[in-house]
All heavy atoms as atom14 arrays in JSON, in Angstrom:
{
  "sequence": "GCPGSQMRQMQHKPEPAGEDMPVLRSQLSQWPVQIKLVPVNAPYF",
  "atom14_mask": [
    [1, 1, 1, 1, 0, 0, 0, 0, 0, 0, 0, 0, 0, 0],
    [1, 1, 1, 1, 1, 1, 0, 0, 0, 0, 0, 0, 0, 0],
    [1, 1, 1, 1, 1, 1, 1, 0, 0, 0, 0, 0, 0, 0],
    [1, 1, 1, 1, 0, 0, 0, 0, 0, 0, 0, 0, 0, 0],
    [1, 1, 1, 1, 1, 1, 0, 0, 0, 0, 0, 0, 0, 0],
    [1, 1, 1, 1, 1, 1, 1, 1, 1, 0, 0, 0, 0, 0],
    [1, 1, 1, 1, 1, 1, 1, 1, 0, 0, 0, 0, 0, 0],
    [1, 1, 1, 1, 1, 1, 1, 1, 1, 1, 1, 0, 0, 0],
    [1, 1, 1, 1, 1, 1, 1, 1, 1, 0, 0, 0, 0, 0],
    [1, 1, 1, 1, 1, 1, 1, 1, 0, 0, 0, 0, 0, 0],
    [1, 1, 1, 1, 1, 1, 1, 1, 1, 0, 0, 0, 0, 0],
    [1, 1, 1, 1, 1, 1, 1, 1, 1, 1, 0, 0, 0, 0],
    [1, 1, 1, 1, 1, 1, 1, 1, 1, 0, 0, 0, 0, 0],
    [1, 1, 1, 1, 1, 1, 1, 0, 0, 0, 0, 0, 0, 0],
    [1, 1, 1, 1, 1, 1, 1, 1, 1, 0, 0, 0, 0, 0],
    [1, 1, 1, 1, 1, 1, 1, 0, 0, 0, 0, 0, 0, 0],
    [1, 1, 1, 1, 1, 0, 0, 0, 0, 0, 0, 0, 0, 0],
    [1, 1, 1, 1, 0, 0, 0, 0, 0, 0, 0, 0, 0, 0],
    [1, 1, 1, 1, 1, 1, 1, 1, 1, 0, 0, 0, 0, 0],
    [1, 1, 1, 1, 1, 1, 1, 1, 0, 0, 0, 0, 0, 0],
    [1, 1, 1, 1, 1, 1, 1, 1, 0, 0, 0, 0, 0, 0],
    [1, 1, 1, 1, 1, 1, 1, 0, 0, 0, 0, 0, 0, 0],
    [1, 1, 1, 1, 1, 1, 1, 0, 0, 0, 0, 0, 0, 0],
    [1, 1, 1, 1, 1, 1, 1, 1, 0, 0, 0, 0, 0, 0],
    [1, 1, 1, 1, 1, 1, 1, 1, 1, 1, 1, 0, 0, 0],
    [1, 1, 1, 1, 1, 1, 0, 0, 0, 0, 0, 0, 0, 0],
    [1, 1, 1, 1, 1, 1, 1, 1, 1, 0, 0, 0, 0, 0],
    [1, 1, 1, 1, 1, 1, 1, 1, 0, 0, 0, 0, 0, 0],
    [1, 1, 1, 1, 1, 1, 0, 0, 0, 0, 0, 0, 0, 0],
    [1, 1, 1, 1, 1, 1, 1, 1, 1, 0, 0, 0, 0, 0],
    [1, 1, 1, 1, 1, 1, 1, 1, 1, 1, 1, 1, 1, 1],
    [1, 1, 1, 1, 1, 1, 1, 0, 0, 0, 0, 0, 0, 0],
    [1, 1, 1, 1, 1, 1, 1, 0, 0, 0, 0, 0, 0, 0],
    [1, 1, 1, 1, 1, 1, 1, 1, 1, 0, 0, 0, 0, 0],
    [1, 1, 1, 1, 1, 1, 1, 1, 0, 0, 0, 0, 0, 0],
    [1, 1, 1, 1, 1, 1, 1, 1, 1, 0, 0, 0, 0, 0],
    [1, 1, 1, 1, 1, 1, 1, 1, 0, 0, 0, 0, 0, 0],
    [1, 1, 1, 1, 1, 1, 1, 0, 0, 0, 0, 0, 0, 0],
    [1, 1, 1, 1, 1, 1, 1, 0, 0, 0, 0, 0, 0, 0],
    [1, 1, 1, 1, 1, 1, 1, 0, 0, 0, 0, 0, 0, 0],
    [1, 1, 1, 1, 1, 1, 1, 1, 0, 0, 0, 0, 0, 0],
    [1, 1, 1, 1, 1, 0, 0, 0, 0, 0, 0, 0, 0, 0],
    [1, 1, 1, 1, 1, 1, 1, 0, 0, 0, 0, 0, 0, 0],
    [1, 1, 1, 1, 1, 1, 1, 1, 1, 1, 1, 1, 0, 0],
    [1, 1, 1, 1, 1, 1, 1, 1, 1, 1, 1, 0, 0, 0]
  ],
  "atom14_positions": [
    [[-32.98, 335.7, 251.23], [-32.72, 336.31, 249.94], [-32.02, 335.3, 249.03], [-32.2, 334.07, 249.09], [0.0, 0.0, 0.0], [0.0, 0.0, 0.0], [0.0, 0.0, 0.0], [0.0, 0.0, 0.0], [0.0, 0.0, 0.0], [0.0, 0.0, 0.0], [0.0, 0.0, 0.0], [0.0, 0.0, 0.0], [0.0, 0.0, 0.0], [0.0, 0.0, 0.0]],
    [[-31.17, 335.85, 248.07], [-30.49, 335.0, 247.16], [-29.51, 334.06, 247.89], [-28.78, 334.56, 248.76], [-29.77, 335.88, 246.19], [-28.63, 335.0, 245.09], [0.0, 0.0, 0.0], [0.0, 0.0, 0.0], [0.0, 0.0, 0.0], [0.0, 0.0, 0.0], [0.0, 0.0, 0.0], [0.0, 0.0, 0.0], [0.0, 0.0, 0.0], [0.0, 0.0, 0.0]],
    [[-29.53, 332.75, 247.61], [-28.62, 331.84, 248.38], [-27.18, 332.2, 248.13], [-26.33, 331.94, 248.89], [-28.91, 330.49, 247.64], [-30.37, 330.6, 247.14], [-30.49, 332.03, 246.69], [0.0, 0.0, 0.0], [0.0, 0.0, 0.0], [0.0, 0.0, 0.0], [0.0, 0.0, 0.0], [0.0, 0.0, 0.0], [0.0, 0.0, 0.0], [0.0, 0.0, 0.0]],
    [[-26.83, 332.85, 247.03], [-25.45, 333.18, 246.69], [-24.9, 334.31, 247.54], [-23.64, 334.48, 247.62], [0.0, 0.0, 0.0], [0.0, 0.0, 0.0], [0.0, 0.0, 0.0], [0.0, 0.0, 0.0], [0.0, 0.0, 0.0], [0.0, 0.0, 0.0], [0.0, 0.0, 0.0], [0.0, 0.0, 0.0], [0.0, 0.0, 0.0], [0.0, 0.0, 0.0]],
    [[-25.83, 335.1, 248.19], [-25.41, 336.18, 248.97], [-25.53, 335.86, 250.52], [-25.33, 336.81, 251.31], [-26.16, 337.51, 248.65], [-27.5, 337.33, 248.91], [0.0, 0.0, 0.0], [0.0, 0.0, 0.0], [0.0, 0.0, 0.0], [0.0, 0.0, 0.0], [0.0, 0.0, 0.0], [0.0, 0.0, 0.0], [0.0, 0.0, 0.0], [0.0, 0.0, 0.0]],
    [[-25.73, 334.7, 250.82], [-25.93, 334.29, 252.24], [-24.6, 334.39, 252.87], [-23.57, 333.91, 252.4], [-26.42, 332.87, 252.38], [-26.66, 332.39, 253.79], [-27.25, 331.01, 253.9], [-27.47, 330.46, 252.88], [-27.42, 330.59, 255.15], [0.0, 0.0, 0.0], [0.0, 0.0, 0.0], [0.0, 0.0, 0.0], [0.0, 0.0, 0.0], [0.0, 0.0, 0.0]],
    [[-24.48, 335.03, 254.07], [-23.33, 335.23, 254.85], [-22.75, 333.91, 255.3], [-23.55, 333.05, 255.89], [-23.5, 336.21, 255.98], [-22.2, 336.57, 256.67], [-22.5, 337.8, 257.97], [-23.63, 336.85, 259.1], [0.0, 0.0, 0.0], [0.0, 0.0, 0.0], [0.0, 0.0, 0.0], [0.0, 0.0, 0.0], [0.0, 0.0, 0.0], [0.0, 0.0, 0.0]],
    [[-21.49, 333.72, 255.24], [-20.86, 332.56, 255.76], [-19.38, 332.83, 256.03], [-18.85, 333.8, 255.51], [-20.99, 331.34, 254.83], [-20.26, 331.47, 253.55], [-20.7, 330.33, 252.56], [-22.01, 330.52, 252.04], [-22.65, 329.65, 251.15], [-21.98, 328.57, 250.79], [-23.79, 329.92, 250.71], [0.0, 0.0, 0.0], [0.0, 0.0, 0.0], [0.0, 0.0, 0.0]],
    [[-18.76, 332.0, 256.88], [-17.37, 332.31, 257.22], [-16.56, 330.94, 257.11], [-17.06, 329.92, 257.46], [-17.28, 332.78, 258.67], [-15.88, 333.27, 259.03], [-15.94, 334.0, 260.4], [-16.93, 334.07, 261.06], [-14.72, 334.36, 260.86], [0.0, 0.0, 0.0], [0.0, 0.0, 0.0], [0.0, 0.0, 0.0], [0.0, 0.0, 0.0], [0.0, 0.0, 0.0]],
    [[-15.44, 331.06, 256.45], [-14.52, 329.95, 256.27], [-13.32, 330.0, 257.21], [-12.83, 331.11, 257.5], [-14.03, 329.8, 254.76], [-15.07, 329.32, 253.8], [-16.33, 330.63, 253.44], [-15.37, 331.76, 252.36], [0.0, 0.0, 0.0], [0.0, 0.0, 0.0], [0.0, 0.0, 0.0], [0.0, 0.0, 0.0], [0.0, 0.0, 0.0], [0.0, 0.0, 0.0]],
    [[-12.95, 328.85, 257.55], [-11.78, 328.71, 258.56], [-10.66, 327.97, 257.73], [-10.85, 326.86, 257.24], [-12.07, 327.99, 259.77], [-13.11, 328.69, 260.63], [-12.66, 330.01, 261.27], [-11.43, 330.15, 261.44], [-13.59, 330.88, 261.58], [0.0, 0.0, 0.0], [0.0, 0.0, 0.0], [0.0, 0.0, 0.0], [0.0, 0.0, 0.0], [0.0, 0.0, 0.0]],
    [[-9.41, 328.6, 257.64], [-8.32, 328.0, 256.94], [-7.14, 327.83, 257.96], [-7.05, 328.56, 258.93], [-7.8, 328.8, 255.79], [-8.87, 329.04, 254.71], [-9.25, 328.08, 253.89], [-9.61, 330.11, 254.48], [-10.16, 328.51, 253.02], [-10.42, 329.74, 253.39], [0.0, 0.0, 0.0], [0.0, 0.0, 0.0], [0.0, 0.0, 0.0], [0.0, 0.0, 0.0]],
    [[-6.39, 326.78, 257.71], [-5.24, 326.61, 258.52], [-4.21, 327.69, 258.28], [-3.81, 328.01, 257.12], [-4.53, 325.22, 258.25], [-5.41, 324.04, 258.62], [-4.62, 322.7, 258.3], [-5.5, 321.53, 258.73], [-4.82, 320.2, 258.39], [0.0, 0.0, 0.0], [0.0, 0.0, 0.0], [0.0, 0.0, 0.0], [0.0, 0.0, 0.0], [0.0, 0.0, 0.0]],
    [[-3.65, 328.33, 259.43], [-2.63, 329.35, 259.22], [-1.4, 328.83, 258.59], [-0.97, 327.65, 258.83], [-2.49, 329.92, 260.55], [-2.84, 328.77, 261.54], [-3.98, 328.01, 260.79], [0.0, 0.0, 0.0], [0.0, 0.0, 0.0], [0.0, 0.0, 0.0], [0.0, 0.0, 0.0], [0.0, 0.0, 0.0], [0.0, 0.0, 0.0], [0.0, 0.0, 0.0]],
    [[-0.65, 329.66, 257.79], [0.64, 329.22, 257.26], [1.62, 329.2, 258.38], [1.55, 330.0, 259.29], [1.12, 330.27, 256.17], [0.17, 330.34, 255.01], [0.15, 329.11, 254.18], [1.11, 328.3, 254.22], [-0.91, 328.79, 253.47], [0.0, 0.0, 0.0], [0.0, 0.0, 0.0], [0.0, 0.0, 0.0], [0.0, 0.0, 0.0], [0.0, 0.0, 0.0]],
    [[2.57, 328.24, 258.31], [3.57, 328.14, 259.39], [4.32, 329.49, 259.53], [4.71, 330.14, 258.55], [4.5, 327.04, 258.9], [3.66, 326.28, 257.9], [2.76, 327.26, 257.24], [0.0, 0.0, 0.0], [0.0, 0.0, 0.0], [0.0, 0.0, 0.0], [0.0, 0.0, 0.0], [0.0, 0.0, 0.0], [0.0, 0.0, 0.0], [0.0, 0.0, 0.0]],
    [[4.55, 329.91, 260.76], [5.25, 331.21, 261.04], [6.7, 331.02, 260.61], [7.39, 330.04, 260.81], [5.13, 331.44, 262.48], [0.0, 0.0, 0.0], [0.0, 0.0, 0.0], [0.0, 0.0, 0.0], [0.0, 0.0, 0.0], [0.0, 0.0, 0.0], [0.0, 0.0, 0.0], [0.0, 0.0, 0.0], [0.0, 0.0, 0.0], [0.0, 0.0, 0.0]],
    [[7.22, 332.16, 260.08], [8.64, 332.23, 259.72], [8.98, 331.73, 258.38], [10.1, 331.89, 257.87], [0.0, 0.0, 0.0], [0.0, 0.0, 0.0], [0.0, 0.0, 0.0], [0.0, 0.0, 0.0], [0.0, 0.0, 0.0], [0.0, 0.0, 0.0], [0.0, 0.0, 0.0], [0.0, 0.0, 0.0], [0.0, 0.0, 0.0], [0.0, 0.0, 0.0]],
    [[7.98, 331.19, 257.65], [8.24, 330.64, 256.3], [7.87, 331.7, 255.27], [6.73, 332.2, 255.28], [7.49, 329.32, 256.02], [8.01, 328.21, 256.82], [7.4, 326.92, 256.42], [6.77, 326.87, 255.32], [7.56, 325.81, 257.03], [0.0, 0.0, 0.0], [0.0, 0.0, 0.0], [0.0, 0.0, 0.0], [0.0, 0.0, 0.0], [0.0, 0.0, 0.0]],
    [[8.78, 332.11, 254.4], [8.54, 333.12, 253.4], [7.69, 332.44, 252.22], [8.05, 331.33, 251.79], [9.78, 333.72, 252.8], [10.45, 334.57, 253.83], [9.82, 335.08, 254.74], [11.72, 334.64, 253.77], [0.0, 0.0, 0.0], [0.0, 0.0, 0.0], [0.0, 0.0, 0.0], [0.0, 0.0, 0.0], [0.0, 0.0, 0.0], [0.0, 0.0, 0.0]],
    [[6.63, 333.08, 251.86], [5.81, 332.62, 250.79], [6.46, 333.0, 249.4], [6.99, 334.15, 249.36], [4.36, 333.14, 250.89], [3.6, 332.74, 252.16], [3.36, 330.94, 252.24], [2.24, 330.67, 250.77], [0.0, 0.0, 0.0], [0.0, 0.0, 0.0], [0.0, 0.0, 0.0], [0.0, 0.0, 0.0], [0.0, 0.0, 0.0], [0.0, 0.0, 0.0]],
    [[6.42, 332.13, 248.47], [7.02, 332.55, 247.19], [6.25, 333.71, 246.6], [5.02, 333.86, 246.75], [6.89, 331.25, 246.37], [5.75, 330.53, 246.93], [5.86, 330.81, 248.44], [0.0, 0.0, 0.0], [0.0, 0.0, 0.0], [0.0, 0.0, 0.0], [0.0, 0.0, 0.0], [0.0, 0.0, 0.0], [0.0, 0.0, 0.0], [0.0, 0.0, 0.0]],
    [[6.99, 334.6, 245.91], [6.35, 335.79, 245.17], [5.78, 335.26, 243.84], [6.59, 334.75, 242.99], [7.36, 336.9, 244.99], [6.71, 338.01, 244.21], [7.89, 337.38, 246.32], [0.0, 0.0, 0.0], [0.0, 0.0, 0.0], [0.0, 0.0, 0.0], [0.0, 0.0, 0.0], [0.0, 0.0, 0.0], [0.0, 0.0, 0.0], [0.0, 0.0, 0.0]],
    [[4.46, 335.37, 243.7], [3.88, 334.96, 242.46], [3.7, 336.09, 241.46], [3.47, 337.22, 241.93], [2.48, 334.33, 242.76], [2.52, 333.09, 243.66], [1.06, 332.65, 243.95], [3.28, 331.99, 243.11], [0.0, 0.0, 0.0], [0.0, 0.0, 0.0], [0.0, 0.0, 0.0], [0.0, 0.0, 0.0], [0.0, 0.0, 0.0], [0.0, 0.0, 0.0]],
    [[3.86, 335.82, 240.24], [3.77, 336.91, 239.25], [2.34, 336.75, 238.54], [1.82, 335.71, 238.34], [4.82, 336.73, 238.13], [6.24, 336.9, 238.69], [7.27, 336.75, 237.54], [8.57, 336.97, 238.0], [9.17, 338.15, 238.16], [8.52, 339.33, 237.92], [10.43, 338.17, 238.63], [0.0, 0.0, 0.0], [0.0, 0.0, 0.0], [0.0, 0.0, 0.0]],
    [[1.87, 337.92, 238.19], [0.55, 337.98, 237.51], [0.69, 337.31, 236.2], [1.67, 337.5, 235.42], [0.12, 339.45, 237.41], [-1.0, 339.47, 236.5], [0.0, 0.0, 0.0], [0.0, 0.0, 0.0], [0.0, 0.0, 0.0], [0.0, 0.0, 0.0], [0.0, 0.0, 0.0], [0.0, 0.0, 0.0], [0.0, 0.0, 0.0], [0.0, 0.0, 0.0]],
    [[-0.29, 336.64, 235.77], [-0.45, 335.89, 234.53], [-1.35, 336.67, 233.56], [-1.57, 336.19, 232.42], [-0.83, 334.45, 234.64], [0.16, 333.58, 235.49], [1.53, 333.53, 234.83], [1.61, 333.28, 233.65], [2.55, 333.72, 235.63], [0.0, 0.0, 0.0], [0.0, 0.0, 0.0], [0.0, 0.0, 0.0], [0.0, 0.0, 0.0], [0.0, 0.0, 0.0]],
    [[-1.95, 337.79, 233.92], [-2.79, 338.54, 233.2], [-2.1, 339.14, 231.93], [-0.97, 339.73, 232.06], [-3.48, 339.68, 233.97], [-4.58, 340.35, 233.32], [-5.83, 339.45, 233.1], [-4.99, 341.65, 234.1], [0.0, 0.0, 0.0], [0.0, 0.0, 0.0], [0.0, 0.0, 0.0], [0.0, 0.0, 0.0], [0.0, 0.0, 0.0], [0.0, 0.0, 0.0]],
    [[-2.6, 338.85, 230.77], [-1.89, 339.3, 229.52], [-2.57, 340.35, 228.71], [-2.08, 340.74, 227.61], [-1.72, 338.08, 228.62], [-2.99, 337.48, 228.27], [0.0, 0.0, 0.0], [0.0, 0.0, 0.0], [0.0, 0.0, 0.0], [0.0, 0.0, 0.0], [0.0, 0.0, 0.0], [0.0, 0.0, 0.0], [0.0, 0.0, 0.0], [0.0, 0.0, 0.0]],
    [[-3.73, 340.89, 229.24], [-4.38, 341.94, 228.5], [-5.22, 342.81, 229.46], [-5.44, 342.42, 230.57], [-5.3, 341.37, 227.37], [-6.77, 341.32, 227.61], [-7.13, 340.29, 228.68], [-6.45, 339.3, 228.94], [-8.36, 340.36, 229.19], [0.0, 0.0, 0.0], [0.0, 0.0, 0.0], [0.0, 0.0, 0.0], [0.0, 0.0, 0.0], [0.0, 0.0, 0.0]],
    [[-5.6, 344.02, 228.91], [-6.45, 344.93, 229.61], [-7.27, 345.61, 228.67], [-6.89, 345.93, 227.57], [-5.58, 345.87, 230.5], [-6.42, 346.82, 231.42], [-6.88, 348.09, 231.15], [-6.78, 346.42, 232.71], [-7.59, 348.49, 232.19], [-7.56, 347.55, 233.21], [-6.71, 345.26, 233.53], [-8.1, 347.51, 234.44], [-7.21, 345.38, 234.75], [-7.95, 346.32, 235.25]],
    [[-8.54, 345.9, 229.0], [-9.26, 345.63, 230.23], [-9.74, 344.22, 230.24], [-9.59, 343.47, 229.28], [-10.49, 346.57, 230.14], [-10.75, 346.73, 228.66], [-9.4, 346.72, 228.08], [0.0, 0.0, 0.0], [0.0, 0.0, 0.0], [0.0, 0.0, 0.0], [0.0, 0.0, 0.0], [0.0, 0.0, 0.0], [0.0, 0.0, 0.0], [0.0, 0.0, 0.0]],
    [[-10.37, 343.78, 231.4], [-10.82, 342.49, 231.57], [-12.35, 342.36, 231.75], [-12.87, 341.29, 231.57], [-10.09, 341.83, 232.79], [-8.64, 341.64, 232.53], [-10.29, 342.53, 234.08], [0.0, 0.0, 0.0], [0.0, 0.0, 0.0], [0.0, 0.0, 0.0], [0.0, 0.0, 0.0], [0.0, 0.0, 0.0], [0.0, 0.0, 0.0], [0.0, 0.0, 0.0]],
    [[-13.0, 343.44, 232.16], [-14.45, 343.36, 232.33], [-15.07, 343.2, 231.06], [-14.8, 343.85, 229.99], [-14.9, 344.69, 232.95], [-14.55, 344.86, 234.45], [-15.35, 343.95, 235.36], [-16.38, 343.45, 234.95], [-14.73, 343.68, 236.56], [0.0, 0.0, 0.0], [0.0, 0.0, 0.0], [0.0, 0.0, 0.0], [0.0, 0.0, 0.0], [0.0, 0.0, 0.0]],
    [[-16.09, 342.3, 230.97], [-16.79, 341.97, 229.73], [-17.45, 343.2, 229.13], [-17.42, 343.39, 227.92], [-17.87, 340.91, 230.03], [-17.22, 339.57, 230.48], [-18.75, 340.62, 228.75], [-18.27, 338.5, 230.89], [0.0, 0.0, 0.0], [0.0, 0.0, 0.0], [0.0, 0.0, 0.0], [0.0, 0.0, 0.0], [0.0, 0.0, 0.0], [0.0, 0.0, 0.0]],
    [[-17.98, 344.08, 229.97], [-18.61, 345.29, 229.44], [-17.65, 346.24, 228.83], [-17.94, 347.11, 227.95], [-19.35, 346.0, 230.6], [-20.54, 345.2, 231.05], [-21.61, 346.09, 231.81], [-21.07, 346.76, 232.98], [-22.01, 347.62, 233.66], [0.0, 0.0, 0.0], [0.0, 0.0, 0.0], [0.0, 0.0, 0.0], [0.0, 0.0, 0.0], [0.0, 0.0, 0.0]],
    [[-16.33, 346.23, 229.19], [-15.35, 347.17, 228.76], [-14.51, 346.71, 227.65], [-13.96, 347.55, 226.88], [-14.47, 347.59, 229.97], [-15.22, 348.22, 231.15], [-14.16, 348.57, 232.24], [-15.94, 349.44, 230.78], [0.0, 0.0, 0.0], [0.0, 0.0, 0.0], [0.0, 0.0, 0.0], [0.0, 0.0, 0.0], [0.0, 0.0, 0.0], [0.0, 0.0, 0.0]],
    [[-14.27, 345.4, 227.51], [-13.33, 344.9, 226.47], [-13.77, 345.2, 225.13], [-14.99, 345.04, 224.81], [-13.09, 343.41, 226.76], [-14.29, 342.58, 226.4], [-11.9, 342.89, 225.98], [0.0, 0.0, 0.0], [0.0, 0.0, 0.0], [0.0, 0.0, 0.0], [0.0, 0.0, 0.0], [0.0, 0.0, 0.0], [0.0, 0.0, 0.0], [0.0, 0.0, 0.0]],
    [[-12.97, 345.63, 224.12], [-13.37, 345.78, 222.82], [-13.66, 344.45, 222.09], [-12.93, 343.52, 222.33], [-12.18, 346.58, 222.12], [-11.06, 346.31, 223.06], [-11.56, 346.05, 224.4], [0.0, 0.0, 0.0], [0.0, 0.0, 0.0], [0.0, 0.0, 0.0], [0.0, 0.0, 0.0], [0.0, 0.0, 0.0], [0.0, 0.0, 0.0], [0.0, 0.0, 0.0]],
    [[-14.57, 344.45, 221.16], [-14.95, 343.18, 220.48], [-13.81, 342.7, 219.65], [-13.61, 341.57, 219.5], [-16.26, 343.41, 219.71], [-16.55, 342.18, 218.85], [-17.42, 343.65, 220.62], [0.0, 0.0, 0.0], [0.0, 0.0, 0.0], [0.0, 0.0, 0.0], [0.0, 0.0, 0.0], [0.0, 0.0, 0.0], [0.0, 0.0, 0.0], [0.0, 0.0, 0.0]],
    [[-13.18, 343.62, 218.89], [-12.2, 343.18, 217.85], [-10.78, 343.47, 218.35], [-9.9, 343.89, 217.57], [-12.47, 343.88, 216.59], [-13.83, 343.52, 215.98], [-14.68, 344.32, 215.94], [-13.97, 342.25, 215.61], [0.0, 0.0, 0.0], [0.0, 0.0, 0.0], [0.0, 0.0, 0.0], [0.0, 0.0, 0.0], [0.0, 0.0, 0.0], [0.0, 0.0, 0.0]],
    [[-10.43, 343.3, 219.64], [-9.13, 343.53, 220.14], [-8.18, 342.58, 219.45], [-8.48, 341.35, 219.22], [-9.11, 343.34, 221.61], [0.0, 0.0, 0.0], [0.0, 0.0, 0.0], [0.0, 0.0, 0.0], [0.0, 0.0, 0.0], [0.0, 0.0, 0.0], [0.0, 0.0, 0.0], [0.0, 0.0, 0.0], [0.0, 0.0, 0.0], [0.0, 0.0, 0.0]],
    [[-6.93, 342.98, 219.16], [-5.94, 342.03, 218.47], [-5.63, 340.87, 219.29], [-5.25, 339.78, 218.73], [-4.77, 343.01, 218.18], [-4.92, 344.13, 219.15], [-6.37, 344.35, 219.33], [0.0, 0.0, 0.0], [0.0, 0.0, 0.0], [0.0, 0.0, 0.0], [0.0, 0.0, 0.0], [0.0, 0.0, 0.0], [0.0, 0.0, 0.0], [0.0, 0.0, 0.0]],
    [[-5.68, 340.95, 220.6], [-5.31, 339.8, 221.42], [-6.32, 338.62, 221.38], [-6.04, 337.59, 221.9], [-5.03, 340.18, 222.88], [-6.01, 341.09, 223.5], [-7.41, 340.64, 223.83], [-5.72, 342.36, 223.83], [-8.26, 341.51, 224.39], [-6.64, 343.32, 224.36], [-7.92, 342.82, 224.7], [-8.81, 343.6, 225.38], [0.0, 0.0, 0.0], [0.0, 0.0, 0.0]],
    [[-7.44, 338.85, 220.75], [-8.41, 337.71, 220.54], [-8.0, 336.77, 219.43], [-8.55, 335.65, 219.3], [-9.82, 338.29, 220.24], [-10.47, 338.8, 221.48], [-11.12, 340.05, 221.44], [-10.57, 338.13, 222.62], [-11.79, 340.52, 222.56], [-11.23, 338.57, 223.75], [-11.88, 339.79, 223.7], [0.0, 0.0, 0.0], [0.0, 0.0, 0.0], [0.0, 0.0, 0.0]]
  ]
}
């Protein structure tokens, strides 16, 4: 089928145990985000 939908699996190195990961904040500044849903003349443009 489509090469883009070919099943594959990735292996990543596990994070060291006991280390707290920093809490990241979302950088999203507007809603909606889907191209089909966003209004053409939104003020944030």
